[in-house]
Protein backbone atom coordinates (compact mmCIF):
# COMPACT_ATOMS: atom_id res chain seq x y z
CA MET A 1 84.60 80.85 145.97
CA GLY A 2 86.64 83.78 144.57
CA LEU A 3 87.54 88.16 144.33
CA ASP A 4 84.09 89.76 145.07
CA MET A 5 84.08 93.37 145.35
CA TYR A 6 81.45 96.12 146.52
CA LEU A 7 81.40 99.86 146.06
CA TYR A 8 79.52 101.40 148.67
CA ALA A 9 77.42 104.89 148.94
CA GLU A 10 76.80 106.22 152.36
CA LYS A 11 74.65 108.87 153.71
CA TYR A 12 73.65 110.51 156.79
CA VAL A 13 70.42 111.62 157.35
CA SER A 14 69.80 113.36 160.68
CA GLN A 15 65.94 113.31 162.02
CA VAL A 16 66.08 117.30 162.53
CA ASP A 17 67.33 120.25 160.69
CA TYR A 18 68.02 123.63 163.32
CA ALA A 19 66.88 126.83 162.39
CA VAL A 20 65.80 130.24 163.38
CA VAL A 21 61.80 129.96 163.84
CA GLY A 22 60.31 133.26 165.03
CA GLY A 23 63.52 134.65 166.36
CA GLU A 24 64.33 131.39 168.39
CA TYR A 25 66.91 128.73 167.25
CA THR A 26 65.09 125.38 167.70
CA SER A 27 64.70 122.06 165.59
CA VAL A 28 62.77 121.18 162.61
CA ALA A 29 61.45 117.61 161.85
CA LYS A 30 63.16 116.37 158.52
CA PRO A 31 60.18 114.90 156.33
CA GLU A 32 63.17 113.01 154.52
CA TYR A 33 64.16 111.11 157.84
CA ALA A 34 60.37 110.29 158.24
CA GLU A 35 59.64 108.83 154.76
CA ILE A 36 62.62 106.51 154.94
CA MET A 37 61.90 104.96 158.53
CA GLU A 38 58.31 104.52 157.51
CA ALA A 39 59.60 103.05 154.25
CA ALA A 40 61.65 100.50 156.03
CA GLY A 41 58.98 99.79 158.55
CA MET A 42 61.06 101.28 161.39
CA SER A 43 58.36 104.21 162.40
CA ASP A 44 57.58 102.10 165.34
CA LEU A 45 61.10 102.93 167.21
CA PRO A 46 61.72 104.61 170.19
CA LYS A 47 62.01 108.18 169.52
CA THR A 48 65.19 110.58 170.77
CA ASP A 49 65.95 114.15 169.82
CA PHE A 50 69.15 113.22 168.54
CA ALA A 51 68.43 110.41 165.98
CA GLY A 52 69.98 109.72 163.07
CA LEU A 53 70.26 107.15 159.84
CA GLU A 54 73.05 105.93 158.36
CA ILE A 55 72.06 104.27 154.77
CA LYS A 56 74.11 102.42 152.68
CA ALA A 57 73.84 100.71 149.20
CA CYS A 58 75.56 98.65 147.37
CA ILE A 59 76.11 100.64 143.64
CA GLY A 60 78.95 98.70 142.37
CA TYR A 61 79.83 95.03 142.14
CA TRP A 62 82.36 93.11 140.04
CA ARG A 63 83.75 89.45 140.27
CA LYS A 64 87.13 88.68 139.60
CA ALA A 65 88.04 92.28 138.21
CA ASN A 66 91.45 91.46 139.30
CA ALA A 67 93.21 94.89 137.66
CA VAL A 68 90.67 97.02 139.39
CA HIS A 69 91.01 95.08 142.79
CA GLY A 70 94.64 95.62 142.46
CA TRP A 71 94.15 99.69 141.71
CA PHE A 72 92.11 99.60 145.04
CA VAL A 73 94.65 97.72 147.19
CA ASP A 74 97.46 100.08 145.60
CA ASN A 75 95.54 103.62 145.84
CA VAL A 76 93.11 103.23 148.81
CA GLN A 77 94.25 100.52 150.77
CA ASP A 78 98.12 101.32 151.34
CA GLY A 79 99.21 98.29 149.59
CA GLU A 80 97.34 96.21 152.33
CA ASP A 81 95.07 93.06 150.84
CA GLU A 82 92.90 92.28 153.69
CA CYS A 83 88.91 92.87 152.59
CA LYS A 84 88.60 95.33 155.27
CA PRO A 85 86.08 98.43 154.01
CA HIS A 86 88.02 101.38 153.13
CA HIS A 87 87.20 105.10 152.45
CA VAL A 88 87.29 105.99 148.78
CA SER A 89 87.23 109.65 148.09
CA ARG A 90 85.57 111.35 144.77
CA GLU A 91 89.08 112.21 143.28
CA GLN A 92 90.30 108.57 143.95
CA LEU A 93 87.20 107.55 141.79
CA GLU A 94 88.13 109.91 139.32
CA GLU A 95 91.67 108.61 139.26
CA LEU A 96 90.35 105.01 138.49
CA LYS A 97 87.92 106.10 135.80
CA ASN A 98 90.88 107.80 133.98
CA GLU A 99 92.74 104.85 134.14
CA CYS A 100 90.11 102.51 133.19
CA LEU A 101 89.48 105.13 130.27
CA GLN A 102 93.54 105.12 129.62
CA SER A 103 93.72 101.33 129.27
CA LEU A 104 91.14 101.21 127.32
CA ALA A 105 92.58 103.66 124.71
CA VAL A 106 95.31 101.75 124.54
CA ARG A 107 93.08 98.54 123.37
CA ALA A 108 91.65 100.81 120.62
CA GLY A 109 95.31 101.66 119.79
CA ALA A 110 96.37 104.79 121.05
CA THR A 111 100.17 104.49 121.63
CA SER A 112 101.15 107.64 123.08
CA ILE A 113 99.85 106.45 126.77
CA GLY A 114 100.70 103.65 128.59
CA ASP A 115 98.49 101.14 129.93
CA THR A 116 98.40 101.50 133.40
CA LEU A 117 95.68 98.77 135.08
CA GLU A 118 97.76 95.22 135.33
CA PRO A 119 95.69 92.30 136.16
CA ARG A 120 96.87 91.14 139.54
CA ALA A 121 97.51 87.26 140.65
CA GLY A 122 95.25 86.26 143.49
CA PHE A 123 93.79 83.35 145.37
CA PHE A 124 90.77 82.74 142.67
CA PHE A 125 90.99 86.08 141.86
CA GLY A 126 90.83 84.66 137.67
CA SER A 127 92.66 85.05 134.68
CA THR A 128 95.49 87.85 134.38
CA GLU A 129 95.65 87.93 130.82
CA LYS A 130 94.70 91.29 128.96
CA ASP A 131 91.62 89.28 127.34
CA ASP A 132 87.56 90.30 126.41
CA TRP A 133 86.88 90.08 130.17
CA TYR A 134 89.67 92.19 131.42
CA TYR A 135 88.28 95.07 129.20
CA GLN A 136 84.60 94.26 129.91
CA ASP A 137 85.86 95.21 133.75
CA LEU A 138 87.18 98.43 132.81
CA VAL A 139 84.24 99.32 130.54
CA GLU A 140 81.41 98.32 133.86
CA THR A 141 84.19 100.24 136.20
CA VAL A 142 83.57 103.57 134.17
CA LYS A 143 79.89 102.84 134.54
CA ILE A 144 80.11 102.19 138.28
CA VAL A 145 82.47 105.40 138.91
CA ASP A 146 79.90 107.63 137.06
CA GLY A 147 77.21 106.55 138.57
CA ALA A 148 78.75 107.23 141.58
CA LEU A 149 80.20 110.62 140.98
CA ALA A 150 76.48 111.78 139.85
CA LEU A 151 75.79 111.60 143.23
CA ASP A 152 75.33 114.72 145.47
CA ASN A 153 78.18 115.25 147.66
CA ASN A 154 76.39 114.21 150.80
CA TYR A 155 77.54 110.63 150.18
CA SER A 156 80.88 109.24 150.80
CA PHE A 157 82.02 105.59 149.42
CA ILE A 158 83.43 102.51 150.89
CA TYR A 159 85.41 99.71 149.06
CA GLN A 160 85.45 96.15 150.16
CA SER A 161 86.70 93.11 148.73
CA SER A 162 85.94 89.26 149.96
CA TRP A 163 87.98 86.31 148.83
């Protein structure tokens, strides 16, 4: 029991693309769609001209990183901590990364900037101290965000917590 946090990447893959072939506007099968269906063992599903896949993968997981969770609540969830999925923009992920780096710089002795990521108390949210675990959560968050932002622009991101 406690605060679990997830960052998902989602991508839509259509069965077809549309193109002009021999002067005619027509649909052209996308190999990516067929490959994914086969890999998922779903090739035998009924076919339709308008099929598509929504691919969702967990690309980040935190456990009791309450300062990071607090940032998502304040900056993505309009202050409502209700354990529902919320869309996160690339710009918001960049902002989170920058705030993590700023807090890590303060730990390293930077005095000209302020520490913005404050721990947040909650039901089994873990420690509210700025201890080694807190800073490790920030380092891990930078890695997770860097991985997310390395994906192409066809991906969207969803944050969800559970406690």
